[in-house]
Amino acid sequence: MILREILQIMKEKNAPILLCNHKGEFEASELLENLSEPMLKTAAHFQPGMYIAAINEGGYLGEVLFKVKSKEAHA
């Protein structure tokens, strides 16, 4: 699965979460609109409630791209 697919699923489900990295907190729809095409094509894994991590060429989890944060906890 690629990052774009994960974000599209979150957007379609209207998931009540924010995705966080060193640049801030974002909704899936914001990231779909603003991330570069190469970033959106990154192979990734979504661990619900925890993170979205890149998958490296060896098929292992790599860098955490976004941490998952509940919108309710944020309010």
PDB file of N, CA and C in Angstrom:
ATOM      1  N   MET A   1       0.845  -1.160   0.000  1.00  0.00           N
ATOM      2  CA  MET A   1       0.000   0.000   0.000  1.00  0.00           C
ATOM      3  C   MET A   1       0.902   1.238   0.000  1.00  0.00           C
ATOM      4  N   ILE A   2       0.435   2.304  -0.619  1.00  0.00           N
ATOM      5  CA  ILE A   2       1.199   3.550  -0.632  1.00  0.00           C
ATOM      6  C   ILE A   2       0.497   4.586   0.248  1.00  0.00           C
ATOM      7  N   LEU A   3       1.235   5.626   0.601  1.00  0.00           N
ATOM      8  CA  LEU A   3       0.713   6.654   1.497  1.00  0.00           C
ATOM      9  C   LEU A   3      -0.582   7.256   0.966  1.00  0.00           C
ATOM     10  N   ARG A   4      -0.661   7.521  -0.330  1.00  0.00           N
ATOM     11  CA  ARG A   4      -1.877   8.098  -0.910  1.00  0.00           C
ATOM     12  C   ARG A   4      -3.098   7.229  -0.594  1.00  0.00           C
ATOM     13  N   GLU A   5      -2.980   5.919  -0.746  1.00  0.00           N
ATOM     14  CA  GLU A   5      -4.102   5.018  -0.489  1.00  0.00           C
ATOM     15  C   GLU A   5      -4.537   5.067   0.974  1.00  0.00           C
ATOM     16  N   ILE A   6      -3.584   5.095   1.874  1.00  0.00           N
ATOM     17  CA  ILE A   6      -3.896   5.170   3.305  1.00  0.00           C
ATOM     18  C   ILE A   6      -4.648   6.462   3.602  1.00  0.00           C
ATOM     19  N   LEU A   7      -4.154   7.568   3.076  1.00  0.00           N
ATOM     20  CA  LEU A   7      -4.789   8.860   3.322  1.00  0.00           C
ATOM     21  C   LEU A   7      -6.181   8.929   2.698  1.00  0.00           C
ATOM     22  N   GLN A   8      -6.363   8.343   1.521  1.00  0.00           N
ATOM     23  CA  GLN A   8      -7.669   8.354   0.874  1.00  0.00           C
ATOM     24  C   GLN A   8      -8.687   7.562   1.699  1.00  0.00           C
ATOM     25  N   ILE A   9      -8.274   6.434   2.228  1.00  0.00           N
ATOM     26  CA  ILE A   9      -9.168   5.627   3.075  1.00  0.00           C
ATOM     27  C   ILE A   9      -9.568   6.435   4.313  1.00  0.00           C
ATOM     28  N   MET A  10      -8.599   7.083   4.941  1.00  0.00           N
ATOM     29  CA  MET A  10      -8.898   7.901   6.117  1.00  0.00           C
ATOM     30  C   MET A  10      -9.870   9.025   5.769  1.00  0.00           C
ATOM     31  N   LYS A  11      -9.647   9.657   4.636  1.00  0.00           N
ATOM     32  CA  LYS A  11     -10.519  10.755   4.204  1.00  0.00           C
ATOM     33  C   LYS A  11     -11.937  10.241   3.946  1.00  0.00           C
ATOM     34  N   GLU A  12     -12.050   9.123   3.237  1.00  0.00           N
ATOM     35  CA  GLU A  12     -13.369   8.569   2.918  1.00  0.00           C
ATOM     36  C   GLU A  12     -14.136   8.148   4.172  1.00  0.00           C
ATOM     37  N   LYS A  13     -13.420   7.624   5.153  1.00  0.00           N
ATOM     38  CA  LYS A  13     -14.051   7.190   6.402  1.00  0.00           C
ATOM     39  C   LYS A  13     -14.260   8.348   7.372  1.00  0.00           C
ATOM     40  N   ASN A  14     -13.763   9.540   6.988  1.00  0.00           N
ATOM     41  CA  ASN A  14     -13.836  10.710   7.857  1.00  0.00           C
ATOM     42  C   ASN A  14     -13.296  10.362   9.241  1.00  0.00           C
ATOM     43  N   ALA A  15     -12.149   9.719   9.251  1.00  0.00           N
ATOM     44  CA  ALA A  15     -11.513   9.258  10.487  1.00  0.00           C
ATOM     45  C   ALA A  15     -11.269  10.433  11.438  1.00  0.00           C
ATOM     46  N   PRO A  16     -11.670  10.295  12.698  1.00  0.00           N
ATOM     47  CA  PRO A  16     -11.518  11.394  13.665  1.00  0.00           C
ATOM     48  C   PRO A  16     -10.101  11.464  14.238  1.00  0.00           C
ATOM     49  N   ILE A  17      -9.118  11.595  13.348  1.00  0.00           N
ATOM     50  CA  ILE A  17      -7.726  11.623  13.791  1.00  0.00           C
ATOM     51  C   ILE A  17      -6.967  12.757  13.123  1.00  0.00           C
ATOM     52  N   LEU A  18      -5.880  13.132  13.756  1.00  0.00           N
ATOM     53  CA  LEU A  18      -4.915  14.058  13.185  1.00  0.00           C
ATOM     54  C   LEU A  18      -3.625  13.289  12.976  1.00  0.00           C
ATOM     55  N   LEU A  19      -2.910  13.642  11.943  1.00  0.00           N
ATOM     56  CA  LEU A  19      -1.620  13.026  11.652  1.00  0.00           C
ATOM     57  C   LEU A  19      -0.546  14.065  11.959  1.00  0.00           C
ATOM     58  N   CYS A  20       0.390  13.700  12.798  1.00  0.00           N
ATOM     59  CA  CYS A  20       1.375  14.646  13.331  1.00  0.00           C
ATOM     60  C   CYS A  20       2.789  14.293  12.896  1.00  0.00           C
ATOM     61  N   ASN A  21       3.550  15.333  12.570  1.00  0.00           N
ATOM     62  CA  ASN A  21       4.990  15.183  12.358  1.00  0.00           C
ATOM     63  C   ASN A  21       5.668  16.447  12.877  1.00  0.00           C
ATOM     64  N   HIS A  22       6.925  16.621  12.582  1.00  0.00           N
ATOM     65  CA  HIS A  22       7.664  17.777  13.093  1.00  0.00           C
ATOM     66  C   HIS A  22       7.167  19.117  12.537  1.00  0.00           C
ATOM     67  N   LYS A  23       6.346  19.070  11.494  1.00  0.00           N
ATOM     68  CA  LYS A  23       5.834  20.298  10.895  1.00  0.00           C
ATOM     69  C   LYS A  23       4.470  20.713  11.437  1.00  0.00           C
ATOM     70  N   GLY A  24       3.781  19.805  12.157  1.00  0.00           N
ATOM     71  CA  GLY A  24       2.475  20.164  12.694  1.00  0.00           C
ATOM     72  C   GLY A  24       1.510  18.997  12.724  1.00  0.00           C
ATOM     73  N   GLU A  25       0.223  19.336  12.826  1.00  0.00           N
ATOM     74  CA  GLU A  25      -0.859  18.361  12.859  1.00  0.00           C
ATOM     75  C   GLU A  25      -1.762  18.587  11.653  1.00  0.00           C
ATOM     76  N   PHE A  26      -2.152  17.503  10.992  1.00  0.00           N
ATOM     77  CA  PHE A  26      -2.880  17.607   9.737  1.00  0.00           C
ATOM     78  C   PHE A  26      -4.006  16.583   9.656  1.00  0.00           C
ATOM     79  N   GLU A  27      -5.022  16.919   8.907  1.00  0.00           N
ATOM     80  CA  GLU A  27      -6.053  15.953   8.549  1.00  0.00           C
ATOM     81  C   GLU A  27      -5.596  15.266   7.270  1.00  0.00           C
ATOM     82  N   ALA A  28      -6.115  14.078   7.031  1.00  0.00           N
ATOM     83  CA  ALA A  28      -5.728  13.313   5.839  1.00  0.00           C
ATOM     84  C   ALA A  28      -5.966  14.112   4.562  1.00  0.00           C
ATOM     85  N   SER A  29      -7.090  14.814   4.486  1.00  0.00           N
ATOM     86  CA  SER A  29      -7.410  15.588   3.278  1.00  0.00           C
ATOM     87  C   SER A  29      -6.371  16.677   3.011  1.00  0.00           C
ATOM     88  N   GLU A  30      -5.865  17.311   4.061  1.00  0.00           N
ATOM     89  CA  GLU A  30      -4.827  18.335   3.905  1.00  0.00           C
ATOM     90  C   GLU A  30      -3.561  17.740   3.305  1.00  0.00           C
ATOM     91  N   LEU A  31      -3.189  16.572   3.800  1.00  0.00           N
ATOM     92  CA  LEU A  31      -1.973  15.924   3.306  1.00  0.00           C
ATOM     93  C   LEU A  31      -2.139  15.485   1.860  1.00  0.00           C
ATOM     94  N   LEU A  32      -3.305  14.995   1.499  1.00  0.00           N
ATOM     95  CA  LEU A  32      -3.544  14.601   0.109  1.00  0.00           C
ATOM     96  C   LEU A  32      -3.384  15.789  -0.831  1.00  0.00           C
ATOM     97  N   GLU A  33      -3.796  16.951  -0.387  1.00  0.00           N
ATOM     98  CA  GLU A  33      -3.715  18.153  -1.218  1.00  0.00           C
ATOM     99  C   GLU A  33      -2.307  18.745  -1.276  1.00  0.00           C
ATOM    100  N   ASN A  34      -1.527  18.574  -0.212  1.00  0.00           N
ATOM    101  CA  ASN A  34      -0.285  19.331  -0.097  1.00  0.00           C
ATOM    102  C   ASN A  34       1.015  18.541  -0.202  1.00  0.00           C
ATOM    103  N   LEU A  35       0.970  17.234  -0.045  1.00  0.00           N
ATOM    104  CA  LEU A  35       2.214  16.460  -0.144  1.00  0.00           C
ATOM    105  C   LEU A  35       2.637  16.302  -1.603  1.00  0.00           C
ATOM    106  N   SER A  36       3.918  16.170  -1.813  1.00  0.00           N
ATOM    107  CA  SER A  36       4.445  15.987  -3.165  1.00  0.00           C
ATOM    108  C   SER A  36       4.054  14.608  -3.700  1.00  0.00           C
ATOM    109  N   GLU A  37       4.066  14.500  -5.000  1.00  0.00           N
ATOM    110  CA  GLU A  37       3.738  13.219  -5.640  1.00  0.00           C
ATOM    111  C   GLU A  37       4.685  12.096  -5.207  1.00  0.00           C
ATOM    112  N   PRO A  38       6.002  12.342  -5.161  1.00  0.00           N
ATOM    113  CA  PRO A  38       6.896  11.267  -4.688  1.00  0.00           C
ATOM    114  C   PRO A  38       6.571  10.821  -3.257  1.00  0.00           C
ATOM    115  N   MET A  39       6.222  11.770  -2.398  1.00  0.00           N
ATOM    116  CA  MET A  39       5.877  11.416  -1.011  1.00  0.00           C
ATOM    117  C   MET A  39       4.601  10.583  -0.984  1.00  0.00           C
ATOM    118  N   LEU A  40       3.603  10.958  -1.761  1.00  0.00           N
ATOM    119  CA  LEU A  40       2.343  10.213  -1.793  1.00  0.00           C
ATOM    120  C   LEU A  40       2.523   8.798  -2.333  1.00  0.00           C
ATOM    121  N   LYS A  41       3.564   8.589  -3.137  1.00  0.00           N
ATOM    122  CA  LYS A  41       3.827   7.266  -3.706  1.00  0.00           C
ATOM    123  C   LYS A  41       4.710   6.394  -2.799  1.00  0.00           C
ATOM    124  N   THR A  42       5.059   6.901  -1.626  1.00  0.00           N
ATOM    125  CA  THR A  42       5.894   6.156  -0.687  1.00  0.00           C
ATOM    126  C   THR A  42       5.161   4.916  -0.185  1.00  0.00           C
ATOM    127  N   ALA A  43       5.819   3.760  -0.266  1.00  0.00           N
ATOM    128  CA  ALA A  43       5.243   2.542   0.313  1.00  0.00           C
ATOM    129  C   ALA A  43       5.136   2.760   1.816  1.00  0.00           C
ATOM    130  N   ALA A  44       3.957   2.446   2.385  1.00  0.00           N
ATOM    131  CA  ALA A  44       3.741   2.751   3.794  1.00  0.00           C
ATOM    132  C   ALA A  44       2.855   1.715   4.464  1.00  0.00           C
ATOM    133  N   HIS A  45       2.909   1.739   5.785  1.00  0.00           N
ATOM    134  CA  HIS A  45       2.087   0.856   6.626  1.00  0.00           C
ATOM    135  C   HIS A  45       1.391   1.712   7.672  1.00  0.00           C
ATOM    136  N   PHE A  46       0.083   1.492   7.843  1.00  0.00           N
ATOM    137  CA  PHE A  46      -0.689   2.199   8.860  1.00  0.00           C
ATOM    138  C   PHE A  46      -0.930   1.271  10.029  1.00  0.00           C
ATOM    139  N   GLN A  47      -0.452   1.664  11.190  1.00  0.00           N
ATOM    140  CA  GLN A  47      -0.722   0.946  12.431  1.00  0.00           C
ATOM    141  C   GLN A  47      -1.790   1.767  13.152  1.00  0.00           C
ATOM    142  N   PRO A  48      -3.065   1.329  13.091  1.00  0.00           N
ATOM    143  CA  PRO A  48      -4.157   2.125  13.664  1.00  0.00           C
ATOM    144  C   PRO A  48      -3.874   2.568  15.101  1.00  0.00           C
ATOM    145  N   GLY A  49      -4.169   3.831  15.345  1.00  0.00           N
ATOM    146  CA  GLY A  49      -3.997   4.394  16.665  1.00  0.00           C
ATOM    147  C   GLY A  49      -2.578   4.756  17.019  1.00  0.00           C
ATOM    148  N   MET A  50      -1.625   4.446  16.133  1.00  0.00           N
ATOM    149  CA  MET A  50      -0.228   4.677  16.486  1.00  0.00           C
ATOM    150  C   MET A  50       0.533   5.529  15.478  1.00  0.00           C
ATOM    151  N   TYR A  51       0.676   5.039  14.225  1.00  0.00           N
ATOM    152  CA  TYR A  51       1.541   5.734  13.281  1.00  0.00           C
ATOM    153  C   TYR A  51       1.305   5.273  11.851  1.00  0.00           C
ATOM    154  N   ILE A  52       1.875   6.043  10.922  1.00  0.00           N
ATOM    155  CA  ILE A  52       2.055   5.628   9.529  1.00  0.00           C
ATOM    156  C   ILE A  52       3.563   5.628   9.328  1.00  0.00           C
ATOM    157  N   ALA A  53       4.114   4.500   8.920  1.00  0.00           N
ATOM    158  CA  ALA A  53       5.552   4.381   8.718  1.00  0.00           C
ATOM    159  C   ALA A  53       5.849   4.006   7.271  1.00  0.00           C
ATOM    160  N   ALA A  54       6.968   4.499   6.780  1.00  0.00           N
ATOM    161  CA  ALA A  54       7.440   4.119   5.450  1.00  0.00           C
ATOM    162  C   ALA A  54       7.904   2.669   5.496  1.00  0.00           C
ATOM    163  N   ILE A  55       7.816   2.013   4.361  1.00  0.00           N
ATOM    164  CA  ILE A  55       8.344   0.653   4.219  1.00  0.00           C
ATOM    165  C   ILE A  55       9.566   0.766   3.325  1.00  0.00           C
ATOM    166  N   ASN A  56      10.700   0.261   3.808  1.00  0.00           N
ATOM    167  CA  ASN A  56      11.933   0.401   3.031  1.00  0.00           C
ATOM    168  C   ASN A  56      12.004  -0.641   1.915  1.00  0.00           C
ATOM    169  N   GLU A  57      13.039  -0.572   1.106  1.00  0.00           N
ATOM    170  CA  GLU A  57      13.190  -1.465  -0.043  1.00  0.00           C
ATOM    171  C   GLU A  57      13.263  -2.933   0.357  1.00  0.00           C
ATOM    172  N   GLY A  58      13.725  -3.207   1.565  1.00  0.00           N
ATOM    173  CA  GLY A  58      13.799  -4.577   2.061  1.00  0.00           C
ATOM    174  C   GLY A  58      12.468  -5.103   2.571  1.00  0.00           C
ATOM    175  N   GLY A  59      11.454  -4.233   2.589  1.00  0.00           N
ATOM    176  CA  GLY A  59      10.125  -4.641   3.042  1.00  0.00           C
ATOM    177  C   GLY A  59       9.908  -4.475   4.542  1.00  0.00           C
ATOM    178  N   TYR A  60      10.840  -3.798   5.193  1.00  0.00           N
ATOM    179  CA  TYR A  60      10.739  -3.574   6.639  1.00  0.00           C
ATOM    180  C   TYR A  60      10.231  -2.172   6.931  1.00  0.00           C
ATOM    181  N   LEU A  61       9.644  -2.012   8.121  1.00  0.00           N
ATOM    182  CA  LEU A  61       9.218  -0.683   8.525  1.00  0.00           C
ATOM    183  C   LEU A  61      10.433   0.219   8.664  1.00  0.00           C
ATOM    184  N   GLY A  62      10.284   1.417   8.159  1.00  0.00           N
ATOM    185  CA  GLY A  62      11.358   2.391   8.246  1.00  0.00           C
ATOM    186  C   GLY A  62      10.928   3.579   9.083  1.00  0.00           C
ATOM    187  N   GLU A  63      11.187   4.744   8.571  1.00  0.00           N
ATOM    188  CA  GLU A  63      10.903   6.005   9.255  1.00  0.00           C
ATOM    189  C   GLU A  63       9.407   6.174   9.538  1.00  0.00           C
ATOM    190  N   VAL A  64       9.080   6.638  10.734  1.00  0.00           N
ATOM    191  CA  VAL A  64       7.698   6.997  11.046  1.00  0.00           C
ATOM    192  C   VAL A  64       7.411   8.314  10.346  1.00  0.00           C
ATOM    193  N   LEU A  65       6.420   8.311   9.472  1.00  0.00           N
ATOM    194  CA  LEU A  65       6.077   9.510   8.713  1.00  0.00           C
ATOM    195  C   LEU A  65       5.136  10.411   9.502  1.00  0.00           C
ATOM    196  N   PHE A  66       4.149   9.789  10.154  1.00  0.00           N
ATOM    197  CA  PHE A  66       3.161  10.532  10.930  1.00  0.00           C
ATOM    198  C   PHE A  66       2.748   9.720  12.147  1.00  0.00           C
ATOM    199  N   LYS A  67       2.611  10.387  13.262  1.00  0.00           N
ATOM    200  CA  LYS A  67       2.023   9.795  14.448  1.00  0.00           C
ATOM    201  C   LYS A  67       0.543  10.080  14.410  1.00  0.00           C
ATOM    202  N   VAL A  68      -0.261   9.183  14.946  1.00  0.00           N
ATOM    203  CA  VAL A  68      -1.713   9.328  14.942  1.00  0.00           C
ATOM    204  C   VAL A  68      -2.168   9.909  16.271  1.00  0.00           C
ATOM    205  N   LYS A  69      -3.030  10.921  16.180  1.00  0.00           N
ATOM    206  CA  LYS A  69      -3.556  11.558  17.373  1.00  0.00           C
ATOM    207  C   LYS A  69      -5.075  11.698  17.212  1.00  0.00           C
ATOM    208  N   SER A  70      -5.815  11.346  18.244  1.00  0.00           N
ATOM    209  CA  SER A  70      -7.274  11.438  18.223  1.00  0.00           C
ATOM    210  C   SER A  70      -7.685  12.908  18.226  1.00  0.00           C
ATOM    211  N   LYS A  71      -8.668  13.262  17.390  1.00  0.00           N
ATOM    212  CA  LYS A  71      -9.191  14.629  17.393  1.00  0.00           C
ATOM    213  C   LYS A  71      -9.854  14.935  18.718  1.00  0.00           C
ATOM    214  N   GLU A  72     -10.504  13.939  19.333  1.00  0.00           N
ATOM    215  CA  GLU A  72     -11.176  14.156  20.600  1.00  0.00           C
ATOM    216  C   GLU A  72     -10.171  14.540  21.682  1.00  0.00           C
ATOM    217  N   ALA A  73      -9.002  13.927  21.672  1.00  0.00           N
ATOM    218  CA  ALA A  73      -7.972  14.251  22.663  1.00  0.00           C
ATOM    219  C   ALA A  73      -7.420  15.655  22.416  1.00  0.00           C
ATOM    220  N   HIS A  74      -7.516  16.093  21.170  1.00  0.00           N
ATOM    221  CA  HIS A  74      -6.975  17.388  20.773  1.00  0.00           C
ATOM    222  C   HIS A  74      -7.921  18.534  21.168  1.00  0.00           C
ATOM    223  N   ALA A  75      -9.211  18.250  21.196  1.00  0.00           N
ATOM    224  CA  ALA A  75     -10.220  19.296  21.451  1.00  0.00           C
ATOM    225  C   ALA A  75     -10.165  19.862  22.846  1.00  0.00           C
TER     226      ALA A  75
END
